[in-house]
Amino acid sequence: MQPSAASSAQPAAPSFDERLTAPASWWVIVALLGLSGGLVLFPLGTVPTLVGVVAAAALAAVAVSSYGSARVRVVSGSLVAGDARIPVSALGAPEVLDAEEARAWRSYKADPRAFMLMRSYVPTAVRVEVTDPADPTPYVYLSSRDPEALVSALESARAEAR
C-alpha cells in the first residue's frame, strides 16, 4: 500500500525531543512566593490576603514555566534549540560534555559569539561546532539531561543528510 500525499506532507517525528523543565525545588519556591504575597497583604484582611497568594503564585509560576519551556529537538534534518533552527549540514561533529567540561564551556572556555541554550540546573551538555563559513557562530552549546541520545540523533540526522 502506497502512502497518501496527505500523510507524506506531514512533518517527520523528531528523532530527539527534550524539554528543559525547571526542577521540583523551583516549584517549592513558587509556593513560598505565593505565601509571601499573601503575608504582605495580610494586614488588609482575608480577601486581599487570598488575592495576594493567588497573584504572587501565578506570576512566579508563569516565570518558572516559561523559563523551563525551552526545547531541544532533532527533526527533519535540523537541530531546533529554543528559537534557533540549524540544518545538520551546517554542523560539525557533536561532543558530549560531562558536568566538569560543561561548566568549563559555560565559563572560562565560552566564546561570546556562540549560541548557548543553557540551564544551570542541567549539569551535562552537548557542544557542536558550526561549520557554515557564512555563520559567525563558532559552536552551539546545549544543556541536555541525555547528551548521548542528542549526539546519537545528530549523528543519525547528519548521516541521512549525506
N, C-alpha and C. Protein backbone atom coordinates (compact mmCIF):
# COMPACT_ATOMS: atom_id res chain seq x y z
N MET A 1 0.84 -1.17 0.00
CA MET A 1 0.00 0.00 0.00
C MET A 1 0.88 1.24 0.00
N GLN A 2 0.63 2.18 -0.89
CA GLN A 2 1.40 3.41 -1.01
C GLN A 2 0.87 4.44 -0.02
N PRO A 3 1.80 5.21 0.62
CA PRO A 3 1.32 6.28 1.50
C PRO A 3 0.66 7.37 0.68
N SER A 4 -0.37 7.95 1.22
CA SER A 4 -1.08 9.01 0.52
C SER A 4 -0.28 10.30 0.55
N ALA A 5 -0.61 11.22 -0.31
CA ALA A 5 0.08 12.51 -0.36
C ALA A 5 -0.13 13.29 0.93
N ALA A 6 -1.29 13.13 1.55
CA ALA A 6 -1.56 13.85 2.81
C ALA A 6 -0.65 13.35 3.92
N SER A 7 -0.42 12.04 3.97
CA SER A 7 0.42 11.53 5.05
C SER A 7 1.89 11.84 4.81
N SER A 8 2.31 11.93 3.54
CA SER A 8 3.70 12.26 3.28
C SER A 8 3.99 13.74 3.49
N ALA A 9 2.95 14.58 3.51
CA ALA A 9 3.14 16.01 3.72
C ALA A 9 3.30 16.36 5.20
N GLN A 10 3.01 15.40 6.07
CA GLN A 10 3.13 15.67 7.50
C GLN A 10 4.61 15.72 7.87
N PRO A 11 4.97 16.58 8.85
CA PRO A 11 6.36 16.67 9.26
C PRO A 11 6.82 15.37 9.94
N ALA A 12 8.09 15.08 9.79
CA ALA A 12 8.65 13.87 10.39
C ALA A 12 8.67 13.99 11.90
N ALA A 13 8.56 12.86 12.55
CA ALA A 13 8.62 12.83 14.01
C ALA A 13 10.05 13.13 14.44
N PRO A 14 10.21 13.87 15.53
CA PRO A 14 11.57 14.19 15.98
C PRO A 14 12.31 12.92 16.41
N SER A 15 13.59 12.85 16.04
CA SER A 15 14.39 11.72 16.49
C SER A 15 14.93 11.98 17.90
N PHE A 16 14.87 13.23 18.34
CA PHE A 16 15.23 13.59 19.72
C PHE A 16 14.35 14.77 20.11
N ASP A 17 13.79 14.73 21.28
CA ASP A 17 12.93 15.81 21.76
C ASP A 17 13.07 15.89 23.28
N GLU A 18 13.58 17.00 23.77
CA GLU A 18 13.77 17.18 25.21
C GLU A 18 13.29 18.56 25.61
N ARG A 19 12.53 18.62 26.68
CA ARG A 19 12.10 19.89 27.26
C ARG A 19 12.93 20.08 28.53
N LEU A 20 13.59 21.22 28.62
CA LEU A 20 14.45 21.51 29.77
C LEU A 20 13.63 22.12 30.90
N THR A 21 12.79 21.29 31.51
CA THR A 21 11.88 21.77 32.56
C THR A 21 12.64 22.16 33.83
N ALA A 22 12.05 23.08 34.56
CA ALA A 22 12.62 23.53 35.83
C ALA A 22 12.52 22.41 36.86
N PRO A 23 13.48 22.34 37.77
CA PRO A 23 13.45 21.29 38.80
C PRO A 23 12.33 21.51 39.81
N ALA A 24 11.98 20.45 40.52
CA ALA A 24 10.89 20.50 41.50
C ALA A 24 11.13 21.53 42.60
N SER A 25 12.38 21.73 42.97
CA SER A 25 12.67 22.69 44.04
C SER A 25 12.24 24.11 43.64
N TRP A 26 12.24 24.42 42.36
CA TRP A 26 11.79 25.74 41.93
C TRP A 26 10.30 25.92 42.15
N TRP A 27 9.54 24.84 42.08
CA TRP A 27 8.10 24.93 42.31
C TRP A 27 7.81 25.13 43.80
N VAL A 28 8.69 24.65 44.66
CA VAL A 28 8.56 24.94 46.09
C VAL A 28 8.76 26.44 46.32
N ILE A 29 9.71 27.02 45.61
CA ILE A 29 9.94 28.46 45.71
C ILE A 29 8.73 29.23 45.22
N VAL A 30 8.07 28.74 44.16
CA VAL A 30 6.83 29.37 43.67
C VAL A 30 5.79 29.40 44.78
N ALA A 31 5.63 28.27 45.49
CA ALA A 31 4.65 28.22 46.58
C ALA A 31 5.03 29.19 47.70
N LEU A 32 6.31 29.28 48.01
CA LEU A 32 6.76 30.21 49.05
C LEU A 32 6.55 31.67 48.63
N LEU A 33 6.76 31.96 47.36
CA LEU A 33 6.49 33.32 46.88
C LEU A 33 5.00 33.65 46.96
N GLY A 34 4.16 32.68 46.67
CA GLY A 34 2.71 32.87 46.81
C GLY A 34 2.36 33.17 48.26
N LEU A 35 2.94 32.41 49.17
CA LEU A 35 2.71 32.63 50.60
C LEU A 35 3.18 34.01 51.03
N SER A 36 4.34 34.43 50.53
CA SER A 36 4.84 35.75 50.92
C SER A 36 3.97 36.86 50.35
N GLY A 37 3.40 36.65 49.16
CA GLY A 37 2.46 37.63 48.60
C GLY A 37 1.24 37.79 49.48
N GLY A 38 0.78 36.68 50.05
CA GLY A 38 -0.35 36.74 50.97
C GLY A 38 0.02 37.42 52.28
N LEU A 39 1.22 37.17 52.77
CA LEU A 39 1.65 37.78 54.03
C LEU A 39 1.79 39.30 53.90
N VAL A 40 2.20 39.76 52.74
CA VAL A 40 2.33 41.21 52.52
C VAL A 40 0.96 41.89 52.66
N LEU A 41 -0.07 41.22 52.15
CA LEU A 41 -1.41 41.82 52.18
C LEU A 41 -2.25 41.37 53.37
N PHE A 42 -1.70 40.60 54.28
CA PHE A 42 -2.42 40.08 55.44
C PHE A 42 -3.05 41.18 56.30
N PRO A 43 -2.37 42.30 56.54
CA PRO A 43 -2.98 43.34 57.37
C PRO A 43 -4.25 43.95 56.76
N LEU A 44 -4.48 43.76 55.48
CA LEU A 44 -5.65 44.34 54.82
C LEU A 44 -6.89 43.47 54.91
N GLY A 45 -6.75 42.23 55.37
CA GLY A 45 -7.91 41.37 55.52
C GLY A 45 -7.78 40.06 54.75
N THR A 46 -8.83 39.24 54.84
CA THR A 46 -8.81 37.90 54.28
C THR A 46 -8.81 37.91 52.74
N VAL A 47 -9.70 38.68 52.15
CA VAL A 47 -9.80 38.69 50.69
C VAL A 47 -8.51 39.20 50.05
N PRO A 48 -7.96 40.35 50.49
CA PRO A 48 -6.68 40.78 49.91
C PRO A 48 -5.55 39.76 50.12
N THR A 49 -5.57 39.06 51.25
CA THR A 49 -4.56 38.03 51.51
C THR A 49 -4.66 36.92 50.48
N LEU A 50 -5.88 36.45 50.23
CA LEU A 50 -6.08 35.39 49.24
C LEU A 50 -5.71 35.86 47.83
N VAL A 51 -6.07 37.10 47.50
CA VAL A 51 -5.70 37.65 46.19
C VAL A 51 -4.19 37.73 46.08
N GLY A 52 -3.51 38.14 47.14
CA GLY A 52 -2.05 38.22 47.15
C GLY A 52 -1.40 36.86 46.95
N VAL A 53 -1.94 35.83 47.61
CA VAL A 53 -1.40 34.47 47.46
C VAL A 53 -1.54 34.01 46.01
N VAL A 54 -2.74 34.16 45.48
CA VAL A 54 -3.01 33.68 44.11
C VAL A 54 -2.19 34.47 43.09
N ALA A 55 -2.17 35.79 43.22
CA ALA A 55 -1.47 36.63 42.24
C ALA A 55 0.04 36.37 42.27
N ALA A 56 0.63 36.34 43.45
CA ALA A 56 2.09 36.12 43.55
C ALA A 56 2.46 34.73 43.06
N ALA A 57 1.68 33.72 43.43
CA ALA A 57 1.97 32.36 42.98
C ALA A 57 1.80 32.24 41.46
N ALA A 58 0.78 32.87 40.92
CA ALA A 58 0.55 32.80 39.47
C ALA A 58 1.69 33.47 38.70
N LEU A 59 2.12 34.64 39.14
CA LEU A 59 3.23 35.32 38.47
C LEU A 59 4.51 34.50 38.54
N ALA A 60 4.80 33.95 39.71
CA ALA A 60 6.00 33.14 39.86
C ALA A 60 5.90 31.87 39.01
N ALA A 61 4.72 31.26 38.96
CA ALA A 61 4.54 30.04 38.17
C ALA A 61 4.72 30.31 36.68
N VAL A 62 4.22 31.44 36.21
CA VAL A 62 4.40 31.80 34.79
C VAL A 62 5.88 31.98 34.49
N ALA A 63 6.61 32.65 35.37
CA ALA A 63 8.04 32.88 35.15
C ALA A 63 8.82 31.56 35.12
N VAL A 64 8.57 30.68 36.07
CA VAL A 64 9.27 29.39 36.13
C VAL A 64 8.89 28.52 34.95
N SER A 65 7.62 28.50 34.61
CA SER A 65 7.16 27.67 33.49
C SER A 65 7.75 28.15 32.16
N SER A 66 7.80 29.45 31.95
CA SER A 66 8.34 29.94 30.68
C SER A 66 9.84 29.69 30.59
N TYR A 67 10.56 29.80 31.69
CA TYR A 67 12.00 29.53 31.68
C TYR A 67 12.25 28.05 31.43
N GLY A 68 11.39 27.20 31.94
CA GLY A 68 11.54 25.76 31.77
C GLY A 68 10.88 25.21 30.53
N SER A 69 10.47 26.08 29.61
CA SER A 69 9.79 25.58 28.42
C SER A 69 10.73 25.43 27.22
N ALA A 70 12.02 25.66 27.40
CA ALA A 70 12.98 25.53 26.30
C ALA A 70 13.03 24.08 25.84
N ARG A 71 13.06 23.90 24.51
CA ARG A 71 13.11 22.56 23.94
C ARG A 71 14.32 22.42 23.04
N VAL A 72 14.85 21.21 23.03
CA VAL A 72 15.93 20.84 22.13
C VAL A 72 15.41 19.65 21.34
N ARG A 73 15.41 19.79 19.99
CA ARG A 73 14.89 18.72 19.13
C ARG A 73 15.79 18.52 17.92
N VAL A 74 15.80 17.30 17.42
CA VAL A 74 16.40 17.00 16.13
C VAL A 74 15.26 16.47 15.29
N VAL A 75 14.89 17.25 14.26
CA VAL A 75 13.72 16.90 13.45
C VAL A 75 13.93 17.38 12.02
N SER A 76 13.57 16.57 11.06
CA SER A 76 13.61 16.92 9.63
C SER A 76 14.96 17.48 9.19
N GLY A 77 16.04 16.84 9.63
CA GLY A 77 17.37 17.27 9.21
C GLY A 77 17.84 18.56 9.83
N SER A 78 17.23 18.99 10.92
CA SER A 78 17.62 20.23 11.59
C SER A 78 17.71 20.03 13.09
N LEU A 79 18.58 20.83 13.69
CA LEU A 79 18.66 20.93 15.14
C LEU A 79 17.84 22.14 15.52
N VAL A 80 16.82 21.94 16.34
CA VAL A 80 15.96 23.03 16.79
C VAL A 80 16.21 23.19 18.28
N ALA A 81 16.75 24.35 18.66
CA ALA A 81 17.08 24.62 20.06
C ALA A 81 16.50 25.98 20.43
N GLY A 82 15.45 25.97 21.24
CA GLY A 82 14.78 27.22 21.54
C GLY A 82 14.19 27.79 20.27
N ASP A 83 14.55 29.02 19.92
CA ASP A 83 14.06 29.67 18.70
C ASP A 83 14.97 29.42 17.49
N ALA A 84 16.13 28.83 17.71
CA ALA A 84 17.10 28.61 16.63
C ALA A 84 16.79 27.32 15.89
N ARG A 85 16.98 27.36 14.57
CA ARG A 85 16.83 26.17 13.74
C ARG A 85 18.06 26.11 12.84
N ILE A 86 18.86 25.06 13.01
CA ILE A 86 20.12 24.94 12.28
C ILE A 86 20.10 23.63 11.50
N PRO A 87 20.31 23.67 10.19
CA PRO A 87 20.38 22.41 9.44
C PRO A 87 21.61 21.62 9.88
N VAL A 88 21.47 20.30 9.97
CA VAL A 88 22.60 19.48 10.43
C VAL A 88 23.75 19.53 9.44
N SER A 89 23.50 19.91 8.20
CA SER A 89 24.58 20.03 7.22
C SER A 89 25.53 21.19 7.57
N ALA A 90 25.08 22.11 8.41
CA ALA A 90 25.92 23.25 8.82
C ALA A 90 26.63 22.99 10.14
N LEU A 91 26.53 21.76 10.64
CA LEU A 91 27.11 21.43 11.94
C LEU A 91 28.23 20.41 11.79
N GLY A 92 29.21 20.53 12.68
CA GLY A 92 30.30 19.56 12.73
C GLY A 92 29.93 18.41 13.65
N ALA A 93 30.95 17.72 14.11
CA ALA A 93 30.73 16.57 14.99
C ALA A 93 30.31 17.04 16.39
N PRO A 94 29.26 16.44 16.94
CA PRO A 94 28.84 16.82 18.30
C PRO A 94 29.74 16.19 19.36
N GLU A 95 29.84 16.86 20.48
CA GLU A 95 30.70 16.41 21.58
C GLU A 95 29.90 16.39 22.88
N VAL A 96 29.88 15.24 23.56
CA VAL A 96 29.21 15.13 24.86
C VAL A 96 30.10 15.78 25.91
N LEU A 97 29.50 16.64 26.73
CA LEU A 97 30.23 17.30 27.80
C LEU A 97 29.72 16.81 29.15
N ASP A 98 30.62 16.24 29.95
CA ASP A 98 30.22 15.85 31.30
C ASP A 98 30.07 17.12 32.14
N ALA A 99 29.72 16.98 33.40
CA ALA A 99 29.43 18.14 34.25
C ALA A 99 30.61 19.10 34.33
N GLU A 100 31.82 18.57 34.46
CA GLU A 100 33.00 19.42 34.60
C GLU A 100 33.31 20.17 33.29
N GLU A 101 33.27 19.46 32.16
CA GLU A 101 33.52 20.09 30.87
C GLU A 101 32.42 21.09 30.52
N ALA A 102 31.19 20.75 30.85
CA ALA A 102 30.08 21.67 30.58
C ALA A 102 30.25 22.97 31.36
N ARG A 103 30.66 22.85 32.61
CA ARG A 103 30.90 24.05 33.41
C ARG A 103 32.02 24.89 32.80
N ALA A 104 33.07 24.24 32.29
CA ALA A 104 34.18 24.97 31.67
C ALA A 104 33.71 25.71 30.42
N TRP A 105 32.88 25.06 29.59
CA TRP A 105 32.39 25.70 28.37
C TRP A 105 31.35 26.77 28.65
N ARG A 106 30.73 26.74 29.83
CA ARG A 106 29.81 27.81 30.23
C ARG A 106 30.55 29.00 30.80
N SER A 107 31.80 28.82 31.20
CA SER A 107 32.51 29.89 31.88
C SER A 107 33.77 30.30 31.12
N TYR A 108 34.94 29.84 31.54
CA TYR A 108 36.18 30.38 31.00
C TYR A 108 36.50 29.94 29.57
N LYS A 109 35.93 28.86 29.07
CA LYS A 109 36.15 28.45 27.68
C LYS A 109 35.10 29.04 26.73
N ALA A 110 34.12 29.71 27.25
CA ALA A 110 33.00 30.20 26.44
C ALA A 110 33.44 31.28 25.46
N ASP A 111 32.83 31.24 24.29
CA ASP A 111 33.03 32.26 23.27
C ASP A 111 31.75 33.10 23.24
N PRO A 112 31.86 34.43 23.35
CA PRO A 112 30.64 35.25 23.37
C PRO A 112 29.83 35.18 22.07
N ARG A 113 30.41 34.70 20.99
CA ARG A 113 29.68 34.57 19.72
C ARG A 113 28.88 33.28 19.63
N ALA A 114 29.08 32.37 20.55
CA ALA A 114 28.43 31.06 20.50
C ALA A 114 26.94 31.17 20.82
N PHE A 115 26.16 30.25 20.24
CA PHE A 115 24.76 30.14 20.60
C PHE A 115 24.67 29.18 21.77
N MET A 116 24.11 29.64 22.88
CA MET A 116 24.04 28.81 24.08
C MET A 116 22.61 28.73 24.59
N LEU A 117 22.12 27.52 24.67
CA LEU A 117 20.84 27.26 25.32
C LEU A 117 21.20 26.46 26.56
N MET A 118 21.43 27.19 27.64
CA MET A 118 21.90 26.52 28.84
C MET A 118 20.95 26.75 29.99
N ARG A 119 20.89 25.76 30.83
CA ARG A 119 20.11 25.81 32.05
C ARG A 119 21.04 25.36 33.18
N SER A 120 21.17 26.20 34.18
CA SER A 120 22.12 25.94 35.26
C SER A 120 21.80 24.67 36.05
N TYR A 121 20.55 24.26 36.04
CA TYR A 121 20.15 23.08 36.79
C TYR A 121 20.35 21.78 36.01
N VAL A 122 20.83 21.87 34.78
CA VAL A 122 21.14 20.68 33.98
C VAL A 122 22.67 20.60 33.88
N PRO A 123 23.30 19.63 34.54
CA PRO A 123 24.76 19.63 34.62
C PRO A 123 25.48 19.23 33.34
N THR A 124 24.88 18.44 32.48
CA THR A 124 25.56 17.94 31.28
C THR A 124 25.10 18.70 30.04
N ALA A 125 25.90 18.60 28.98
CA ALA A 125 25.59 19.37 27.77
C ALA A 125 26.19 18.71 26.54
N VAL A 126 25.88 19.31 25.40
CA VAL A 126 26.45 18.92 24.12
C VAL A 126 26.99 20.18 23.46
N ARG A 127 28.17 20.06 22.87
CA ARG A 127 28.78 21.16 22.13
C ARG A 127 28.93 20.70 20.69
N VAL A 128 28.46 21.53 19.75
CA VAL A 128 28.52 21.19 18.33
C VAL A 128 29.13 22.36 17.59
N GLU A 129 30.20 22.10 16.86
CA GLU A 129 30.84 23.14 16.06
C GLU A 129 29.95 23.50 14.87
N VAL A 130 29.86 24.79 14.58
CA VAL A 130 29.14 25.26 13.40
C VAL A 130 30.16 25.39 12.27
N THR A 131 29.95 24.63 11.18
CA THR A 131 30.91 24.59 10.08
C THR A 131 30.55 25.49 8.91
N ASP A 132 29.42 26.15 8.96
CA ASP A 132 29.00 27.05 7.89
C ASP A 132 29.90 28.28 7.88
N PRO A 133 30.67 28.52 6.80
CA PRO A 133 31.59 29.66 6.77
C PRO A 133 30.87 31.01 6.79
N ALA A 134 29.61 31.05 6.40
CA ALA A 134 28.86 32.31 6.40
C ALA A 134 28.30 32.65 7.77
N ASP A 135 28.36 31.72 8.70
CA ASP A 135 27.80 31.93 10.04
C ASP A 135 28.93 32.28 11.02
N PRO A 136 28.86 33.41 11.70
CA PRO A 136 29.92 33.80 12.64
C PRO A 136 29.88 33.02 13.96
N THR A 137 28.85 32.21 14.15
CA THR A 137 28.72 31.44 15.40
C THR A 137 29.71 30.28 15.38
N PRO A 138 30.65 30.23 16.35
CA PRO A 138 31.65 29.17 16.31
C PRO A 138 31.11 27.79 16.72
N TYR A 139 30.18 27.78 17.66
CA TYR A 139 29.63 26.50 18.12
C TYR A 139 28.28 26.73 18.77
N VAL A 140 27.59 25.62 18.99
CA VAL A 140 26.31 25.62 19.68
C VAL A 140 26.50 24.83 20.96
N TYR A 141 26.10 25.41 22.09
CA TYR A 141 26.17 24.75 23.39
C TYR A 141 24.74 24.51 23.85
N LEU A 142 24.41 23.25 24.13
CA LEU A 142 23.04 22.90 24.52
C LEU A 142 23.05 22.09 25.81
N SER A 143 22.40 22.58 26.83
CA SER A 143 22.21 21.78 28.03
C SER A 143 21.31 20.60 27.68
N SER A 144 21.62 19.44 28.22
CA SER A 144 20.81 18.25 27.96
C SER A 144 20.95 17.26 29.11
N ARG A 145 19.83 16.70 29.52
CA ARG A 145 19.87 15.67 30.55
C ARG A 145 20.31 14.33 29.97
N ASP A 146 20.20 14.18 28.65
CA ASP A 146 20.59 12.95 27.97
C ASP A 146 21.47 13.30 26.76
N PRO A 147 22.71 13.75 27.02
CA PRO A 147 23.55 14.21 25.91
C PRO A 147 23.92 13.10 24.93
N GLU A 148 24.04 11.87 25.39
CA GLU A 148 24.38 10.77 24.49
C GLU A 148 23.29 10.56 23.44
N ALA A 149 22.02 10.64 23.85
CA ALA A 149 20.91 10.48 22.91
C ALA A 149 20.87 11.64 21.92
N LEU A 150 21.17 12.85 22.38
CA LEU A 150 21.19 14.00 21.48
C LEU A 150 22.30 13.85 20.44
N VAL A 151 23.48 13.43 20.88
CA VAL A 151 24.60 13.22 19.96
C VAL A 151 24.24 12.13 18.95
N SER A 152 23.65 11.06 19.41
CA SER A 152 23.24 9.97 18.52
C SER A 152 22.24 10.45 17.48
N ALA A 153 21.26 11.24 17.90
CA ALA A 153 20.26 11.77 16.97
C ALA A 153 20.90 12.71 15.96
N LEU A 154 21.84 13.55 16.39
CA LEU A 154 22.53 14.46 15.47
C LEU A 154 23.36 13.69 14.46
N GLU A 155 24.06 12.66 14.92
CA GLU A 155 24.88 11.86 14.00
C GLU A 155 24.01 11.11 13.00
N SER A 156 22.87 10.59 13.45
CA SER A 156 21.94 9.91 12.53
C SER A 156 21.39 10.90 11.49
N ALA A 157 21.03 12.08 11.93
CA ALA A 157 20.50 13.10 11.01
C ALA A 157 21.57 13.53 10.01
N ARG A 158 22.81 13.64 10.45
CA ARG A 158 23.90 14.00 9.54
C ARG A 158 24.13 12.90 8.51
N ALA A 159 24.06 11.65 8.93
CA ALA A 159 24.24 10.53 8.02
C ALA A 159 23.11 10.48 6.98
N GLU A 160 21.88 10.78 7.40
CA GLU A 160 20.74 10.79 6.46
C GLU A 160 20.84 11.96 5.48
N ALA A 161 21.43 13.08 5.92
CA ALA A 161 21.52 14.26 5.06
C ALA A 161 22.56 14.10 3.95
N ARG A 162 23.47 13.17 4.12
CA ARG A 162 24.53 12.97 3.12
C ARG A 162 24.05 12.26 1.91
